[in-house]
PDB file of N, CA and C in Angstrom:
ATOM      1  N   MET A   1       0.842  -1.182   0.000  1.00  0.00           N
ATOM      2  CA  MET A   1       0.000   0.000   0.000  1.00  0.00           C
ATOM      3  C   MET A   1       0.882   1.238   0.000  1.00  0.00           C
ATOM      4  N   SER A   2       0.396   2.265  -0.636  1.00  0.00           N
ATOM      5  CA  SER A   2       1.193   3.486  -0.702  1.00  0.00           C
ATOM      6  C   SER A   2       0.926   4.349   0.535  1.00  0.00           C
ATOM      7  N   GLU A   3       1.965   4.984   0.972  1.00  0.00           N
ATOM      8  CA  GLU A   3       1.858   5.860   2.140  1.00  0.00           C
ATOM      9  C   GLU A   3       1.554   7.272   1.670  1.00  0.00           C
ATOM     10  N   GLN A   4       0.536   7.900   2.282  1.00  0.00           N
ATOM     11  CA  GLN A   4       0.161   9.246   1.878  1.00  0.00           C
ATOM     12  C   GLN A   4       1.006  10.259   2.624  1.00  0.00           C
ATOM     13  N   LYS A   5       1.427  11.279   1.901  1.00  0.00           N
ATOM     14  CA  LYS A   5       2.213  12.345   2.519  1.00  0.00           C
ATOM     15  C   LYS A   5       1.284  13.439   3.024  1.00  0.00           C
ATOM     16  N   ARG A   6       1.646  14.001   4.169  1.00  0.00           N
ATOM     17  CA  ARG A   6       0.869  15.120   4.723  1.00  0.00           C
ATOM     18  C   ARG A   6       1.372  16.407   4.096  1.00  0.00           C
ATOM     19  N   THR A   7       0.438  17.218   3.686  1.00  0.00           N
ATOM     20  CA  THR A   7       0.782  18.516   3.105  1.00  0.00           C
ATOM     21  C   THR A   7       0.274  19.617   4.015  1.00  0.00           C
ATOM     22  N   PRO A   8       0.803  20.827   3.877  1.00  0.00           N
ATOM     23  CA  PRO A   8       0.291  21.946   4.689  1.00  0.00           C
ATOM     24  C   PRO A   8      -1.196  22.215   4.463  1.00  0.00           C
ATOM     25  N   GLU A   9      -1.694  21.899   3.259  1.00  0.00           N
ATOM     26  CA  GLU A   9      -3.118  22.101   2.995  1.00  0.00           C
ATOM     27  C   GLU A   9      -3.964  21.159   3.852  1.00  0.00           C
ATOM     28  N   ASP A  10      -3.462  19.925   4.075  1.00  0.00           N
ATOM     29  CA  ASP A  10      -4.191  18.984   4.930  1.00  0.00           C
ATOM     30  C   ASP A  10      -4.263  19.491   6.356  1.00  0.00           C
ATOM     31  N   ASP A  11      -3.173  20.056   6.868  1.00  0.00           N
ATOM     32  CA  ASP A  11      -3.176  20.593   8.223  1.00  0.00           C
ATOM     33  C   ASP A  11      -4.153  21.758   8.343  1.00  0.00           C
ATOM     34  N   GLY A  12      -4.201  22.606   7.345  1.00  0.00           N
ATOM     35  CA  GLY A  12      -5.143  23.727   7.362  1.00  0.00           C
ATOM     36  C   GLY A  12      -6.579  23.264   7.292  1.00  0.00           C
ATOM     37  N   ARG A  13      -6.815  22.229   6.532  1.00  0.00           N
ATOM     38  CA  ARG A  13      -8.169  21.690   6.411  1.00  0.00           C
ATOM     39  C   ARG A  13      -8.614  21.070   7.736  1.00  0.00           C
ATOM     40  N   ALA A  14      -7.709  20.387   8.417  1.00  0.00           N
ATOM     41  CA  ALA A  14      -8.050  19.794   9.711  1.00  0.00           C
ATOM     42  C   ALA A  14      -8.361  20.877  10.732  1.00  0.00           C
ATOM     43  N   PHE A  15      -7.609  21.971  10.703  1.00  0.00           N
ATOM     44  CA  PHE A  15      -7.877  23.081  11.610  1.00  0.00           C
ATOM     45  C   PHE A  15      -9.220  23.718  11.300  1.00  0.00           C
ATOM     46  N   ALA A  16      -9.544  23.885  10.026  1.00  0.00           N
ATOM     47  CA  ALA A  16     -10.829  24.476   9.642  1.00  0.00           C
ATOM     48  C   ALA A  16     -11.987  23.574  10.043  1.00  0.00           C
ATOM     49  N   ASP A  17     -11.796  22.253   9.909  1.00  0.00           N
ATOM     50  CA  ASP A  17     -12.846  21.324  10.342  1.00  0.00           C
ATOM     51  C   ASP A  17     -13.087  21.444  11.843  1.00  0.00           C
ATOM     52  N   ALA A  18     -12.007  21.543  12.620  1.00  0.00           N
ATOM     53  CA  ALA A  18     -12.149  21.691  14.071  1.00  0.00           C
ATOM     54  C   ALA A  18     -12.782  23.032  14.415  1.00  0.00           C
ATOM     55  N   ALA A  19     -12.407  24.066  13.676  1.00  0.00           N
ATOM     56  CA  ALA A  19     -12.946  25.398  13.957  1.00  0.00           C
ATOM     57  C   ALA A  19     -14.450  25.457  13.711  1.00  0.00           C
ATOM     58  N   TRP A  20     -14.965  24.670  12.786  1.00  0.00           N
ATOM     59  CA  TRP A  20     -16.403  24.646  12.539  1.00  0.00           C
ATOM     60  C   TRP A  20     -17.131  23.653  13.438  1.00  0.00           C
ATOM     61  N   SER A  21     -16.465  22.563  13.806  1.00  0.00           N
ATOM     62  CA  SER A  21     -17.173  21.539  14.573  1.00  0.00           C
ATOM     63  C   SER A  21     -17.345  21.923  16.040  1.00  0.00           C
ATOM     64  N   VAL A  22     -16.415  22.675  16.610  1.00  0.00           N
ATOM     65  CA  VAL A  22     -16.534  23.053  18.024  1.00  0.00           C
ATOM     66  C   VAL A  22     -17.767  23.920  18.271  1.00  0.00           C
ATOM     67  N   PRO A  23     -17.964  25.024  17.539  1.00  0.00           N
ATOM     68  CA  PRO A  23     -19.201  25.794  17.783  1.00  0.00           C
ATOM     69  C   PRO A  23     -20.468  25.018  17.413  1.00  0.00           C
ATOM     70  N   ALA A  24     -20.365  24.116  16.441  1.00  0.00           N
ATOM     71  CA  ALA A  24     -21.531  23.324  16.073  1.00  0.00           C
ATOM     72  C   ALA A  24     -21.928  22.385  17.212  1.00  0.00           C
ATOM     73  N   TYR A  25     -20.947  21.769  17.864  1.00  0.00           N
ATOM     74  CA  TYR A  25     -21.249  20.925  19.023  1.00  0.00           C
ATOM     75  C   TYR A  25     -21.890  21.749  20.138  1.00  0.00           C
ATOM     76  N   ILE A  26     -21.338  22.913  20.419  1.00  0.00           N
ATOM     77  CA  ILE A  26     -21.861  23.744  21.507  1.00  0.00           C
ATOM     78  C   ILE A  26     -23.296  24.185  21.196  1.00  0.00           C
ATOM     79  N   LEU A  27     -23.507  24.675  19.993  1.00  0.00           N
ATOM     80  CA  LEU A  27     -24.835  25.155  19.616  1.00  0.00           C
ATOM     81  C   LEU A  27     -25.862  24.024  19.595  1.00  0.00           C
ATOM     82  N   SER A  28     -25.478  22.880  19.054  1.00  0.00           N
ATOM     83  CA  SER A  28     -26.434  21.773  19.013  1.00  0.00           C
ATOM     84  C   SER A  28     -26.730  21.243  20.416  1.00  0.00           C
ATOM     85  N   GLY A  29     -25.729  21.254  21.301  1.00  0.00           N
ATOM     86  CA  GLY A  29     -25.984  20.841  22.679  1.00  0.00           C
ATOM     87  C   GLY A  29     -26.976  21.760  23.369  1.00  0.00           C
ATOM     88  N   ILE A  30     -26.801  23.061  23.153  1.00  0.00           N
ATOM     89  CA  ILE A  30     -27.725  24.031  23.744  1.00  0.00           C
ATOM     90  C   ILE A  30     -29.133  23.834  23.189  1.00  0.00           C
ATOM     91  N   LEU A  31     -29.235  23.683  21.884  1.00  0.00           N
ATOM     92  CA  LEU A  31     -30.559  23.561  21.270  1.00  0.00           C
ATOM     93  C   LEU A  31     -31.255  22.255  21.648  1.00  0.00           C
ATOM     94  N   VAL A  32     -30.521  21.153  21.599  1.00  0.00           N
ATOM     95  CA  VAL A  32     -31.157  19.859  21.870  1.00  0.00           C
ATOM     96  C   VAL A  32     -31.546  19.746  23.339  1.00  0.00           C
ATOM     97  N   TRP A  33     -30.582  19.973  24.239  1.00  0.00           N
ATOM     98  CA  TRP A  33     -30.882  19.785  25.659  1.00  0.00           C
ATOM     99  C   TRP A  33     -31.713  20.928  26.223  1.00  0.00           C
ATOM    100  N   GLY A  34     -31.566  22.130  25.667  1.00  0.00           N
ATOM    101  CA  GLY A  34     -32.475  23.211  26.038  1.00  0.00           C
ATOM    102  C   GLY A  34     -33.889  22.914  25.589  1.00  0.00           C
ATOM    103  N   GLY A  35     -34.019  22.286  24.412  1.00  0.00           N
ATOM    104  CA  GLY A  35     -35.332  21.872  23.933  1.00  0.00           C
ATOM    105  C   GLY A  35     -35.948  20.788  24.795  1.00  0.00           C
ATOM    106  N   VAL A  36     -35.123  19.860  25.251  1.00  0.00           N
ATOM    107  CA  VAL A  36     -35.618  18.830  26.164  1.00  0.00           C
ATOM    108  C   VAL A  36     -36.078  19.479  27.470  1.00  0.00           C
ATOM    109  N   GLY A  37     -35.296  20.438  27.965  1.00  0.00           N
ATOM    110  CA  GLY A  37     -35.692  21.160  29.172  1.00  0.00           C
ATOM    111  C   GLY A  37     -36.971  21.940  28.979  1.00  0.00           C
ATOM    112  N   TRP A  38     -37.125  22.545  27.812  1.00  0.00           N
ATOM    113  CA  TRP A  38     -38.349  23.287  27.513  1.00  0.00           C
ATOM    114  C   TRP A  38     -39.558  22.347  27.478  1.00  0.00           C
ATOM    115  N   LEU A  39     -39.379  21.176  26.846  1.00  0.00           N
ATOM    116  CA  LEU A  39     -40.479  20.212  26.812  1.00  0.00           C
ATOM    117  C   LEU A  39     -40.837  19.732  28.207  1.00  0.00           C
ATOM    118  N   LEU A  40     -39.825  19.451  29.023  1.00  0.00           N
ATOM    119  CA  LEU A  40     -40.101  19.031  30.397  1.00  0.00           C
ATOM    120  C   LEU A  40     -40.794  20.123  31.197  1.00  0.00           C
ATOM    121  N   SER A  41     -40.385  21.370  30.980  1.00  0.00           N
ATOM    122  CA  SER A  41     -41.027  22.463  31.712  1.00  0.00           C
ATOM    123  C   SER A  41     -42.470  22.666  31.267  1.00  0.00           C
ATOM    124  N   ARG A  42     -42.732  22.454  29.977  1.00  0.00           N
ATOM    125  CA  ARG A  42     -44.117  22.551  29.502  1.00  0.00           C
ATOM    126  C   ARG A  42     -44.970  21.409  30.055  1.00  0.00           C
ATOM    127  N   TRP A  43     -44.381  20.249  30.155  1.00  0.00           N
ATOM    128  CA  TRP A  43     -45.097  19.068  30.601  1.00  0.00           C
ATOM    129  C   TRP A  43     -45.375  19.104  32.105  1.00  0.00           C
ATOM    130  N   THR A  44     -44.371  19.559  32.893  1.00  0.00           N
ATOM    131  CA  THR A  44     -44.520  19.535  34.346  1.00  0.00           C
ATOM    132  C   THR A  44     -44.967  20.875  34.933  1.00  0.00           C
ATOM    133  N   GLY A  45     -44.751  21.968  34.205  1.00  0.00           N
ATOM    134  CA  GLY A  45     -45.088  23.287  34.730  1.00  0.00           C
ATOM    135  C   GLY A  45     -43.986  23.903  35.569  1.00  0.00           C
ATOM    136  N   VAL A  46     -42.840  23.251  35.663  1.00  0.00           N
ATOM    137  CA  VAL A  46     -41.701  23.759  36.438  1.00  0.00           C
ATOM    138  C   VAL A  46     -40.727  24.399  35.461  1.00  0.00           C
ATOM    139  N   SER A  47     -40.499  25.703  35.603  1.00  0.00           N
ATOM    140  CA  SER A  47     -39.669  26.415  34.626  1.00  0.00           C
ATOM    141  C   SER A  47     -38.171  26.232  34.837  1.00  0.00           C
ATOM    142  N   ALA A  48     -37.771  25.528  35.885  1.00  0.00           N
ATOM    143  CA  ALA A  48     -36.342  25.339  36.163  1.00  0.00           C
ATOM    144  C   ALA A  48     -35.687  24.356  35.207  1.00  0.00           C
ATOM    145  N   PHE A  49     -36.461  23.593  34.443  1.00  0.00           N
ATOM    146  CA  PHE A  49     -35.870  22.604  33.554  1.00  0.00           C
ATOM    147  C   PHE A  49     -35.175  23.231  32.351  1.00  0.00           C
ATOM    148  N   ILE A  50     -35.577  24.428  31.936  1.00  0.00           N
ATOM    149  CA  ILE A  50     -34.962  25.074  30.778  1.00  0.00           C
ATOM    150  C   ILE A  50     -33.495  25.413  31.053  1.00  0.00           C
ATOM    151  N   PRO A  51     -33.162  26.154  32.116  1.00  0.00           N
ATOM    152  CA  PRO A  51     -31.741  26.426  32.351  1.00  0.00           C
ATOM    153  C   PRO A  51     -30.939  25.169  32.686  1.00  0.00           C
ATOM    154  N   ILE A  52     -31.576  24.197  33.339  1.00  0.00           N
ATOM    155  CA  ILE A  52     -30.877  22.938  33.618  1.00  0.00           C
ATOM    156  C   ILE A  52     -30.529  22.239  32.309  1.00  0.00           C
ATOM    157  N   GLY A  53     -31.449  22.220  31.373  1.00  0.00           N
ATOM    158  CA  GLY A  53     -31.201  21.603  30.069  1.00  0.00           C
ATOM    159  C   GLY A  53     -30.114  22.317  29.295  1.00  0.00           C
ATOM    160  N   VAL A  54     -30.110  23.646  29.331  1.00  0.00           N
ATOM    161  CA  VAL A  54     -29.092  24.415  28.617  1.00  0.00           C
ATOM    162  C   VAL A  54     -27.714  24.163  29.224  1.00  0.00           C
ATOM    163  N   ILE A  55     -27.625  24.190  30.548  1.00  0.00           N
ATOM    164  CA  ILE A  55     -26.342  23.958  31.214  1.00  0.00           C
ATOM    165  C   ILE A  55     -25.865  22.527  30.954  1.00  0.00           C
ATOM    166  N   LEU A  56     -26.762  21.569  31.012  1.00  0.00           N
ATOM    167  CA  LEU A  56     -26.405  20.190  30.718  1.00  0.00           C
ATOM    168  C   LEU A  56     -25.932  20.047  29.273  1.00  0.00           C
ATOM    169  N   GLY A  57     -26.599  20.725  28.357  1.00  0.00           N
ATOM    170  CA  GLY A  57     -26.203  20.675  26.952  1.00  0.00           C
ATOM    171  C   GLY A  57     -24.825  21.249  26.711  1.00  0.00           C
ATOM    172  N   VAL A  58     -24.514  22.363  27.355  1.00  0.00           N
ATOM    173  CA  VAL A  58     -23.184  22.955  27.201  1.00  0.00           C
ATOM    174  C   VAL A  58     -22.124  22.037  27.801  1.00  0.00           C
ATOM    175  N   GLY A  59     -22.418  21.488  28.962  1.00  0.00           N
ATOM    176  CA  GLY A  59     -21.457  20.594  29.604  1.00  0.00           C
ATOM    177  C   GLY A  59     -21.171  19.355  28.774  1.00  0.00           C
ATOM    178  N   LEU A  60     -22.208  18.729  28.250  1.00  0.00           N
ATOM    179  CA  LEU A  60     -22.005  17.550  27.415  1.00  0.00           C
ATOM    180  C   LEU A  60     -21.310  17.894  26.107  1.00  0.00           C
ATOM    181  N   ALA A  61     -21.609  19.057  25.541  1.00  0.00           N
ATOM    182  CA  ALA A  61     -20.948  19.461  24.303  1.00  0.00           C
ATOM    183  C   ALA A  61     -19.464  19.709  24.526  1.00  0.00           C
ATOM    184  N   VAL A  62     -19.121  20.345  25.630  1.00  0.00           N
ATOM    185  CA  VAL A  62     -17.702  20.576  25.936  1.00  0.00           C
ATOM    186  C   VAL A  62     -16.998  19.240  26.140  1.00  0.00           C
ATOM    187  N   TYR A  63     -17.665  18.297  26.783  1.00  0.00           N
ATOM    188  CA  TYR A  63     -17.080  16.979  26.974  1.00  0.00           C
ATOM    189  C   TYR A  63     -16.856  16.277  25.630  1.00  0.00           C
ATOM    190  N   LEU A  64     -17.816  16.364  24.719  1.00  0.00           N
ATOM    191  CA  LEU A  64     -17.648  15.760  23.406  1.00  0.00           C
ATOM    192  C   LEU A  64     -16.532  16.422  22.614  1.00  0.00           C
ATOM    193  N   VAL A  65     -16.401  17.739  22.722  1.00  0.00           N
ATOM    194  CA  VAL A  65     -15.302  18.451  22.054  1.00  0.00           C
ATOM    195  C   VAL A  65     -13.971  17.977  22.615  1.00  0.00           C
ATOM    196  N   TYR A  66     -13.908  17.802  23.928  1.00  0.00           N
ATOM    197  CA  TYR A  66     -12.679  17.304  24.541  1.00  0.00           C
ATOM    198  C   TYR A  66     -12.341  15.910  24.038  1.00  0.00           C
ATOM    199  N   LEU A  67     -13.341  15.038  23.947  1.00  0.00           N
ATOM    200  CA  LEU A  67     -13.088  13.686  23.457  1.00  0.00           C
ATOM    201  C   LEU A  67     -12.611  13.678  22.018  1.00  0.00           C
ATOM    202  N   LYS A  68     -13.174  14.551  21.196  1.00  0.00           N
ATOM    203  CA  LYS A  68     -12.840  14.546  19.777  1.00  0.00           C
ATOM    204  C   LYS A  68     -11.542  15.282  19.479  1.00  0.00           C
ATOM    205  N   HIS A  69     -11.324  16.430  20.096  1.00  0.00           N
ATOM    206  CA  HIS A  69     -10.197  17.278  19.721  1.00  0.00           C
ATOM    207  C   HIS A  69      -9.148  17.440  20.829  1.00  0.00           C
ATOM    208  N   GLY A  70      -9.483  17.115  22.056  1.00  0.00           N
ATOM    209  CA  GLY A  70      -8.583  17.417  23.151  1.00  0.00           C
ATOM    210  C   GLY A  70      -7.507  16.393  23.425  1.00  0.00           C
ATOM    211  N   ARG A  71      -7.661  15.209  22.925  1.00  0.00           N
ATOM    212  CA  ARG A  71      -6.689  14.163  23.217  1.00  0.00           C
ATOM    213  C   ARG A  71      -5.523  14.210  22.288  1.00  0.00           C
TER     214      ARG A  71
END
């Protein structure tokens, strides 16, 4: 099998992919878990689930970013 050489363009592309994926993880975590919190608050009538969902979403998104890019 042939060995592929790394070029500076590949390094730039990897950085650009990381630069787009980190905010996407954070935003999707906020939207998904904030949405779950909103649904729970609508269902139970307790408004505390919205900020709990948003905080949980940010925390899980940061953890996923660490797993993907931090190691």
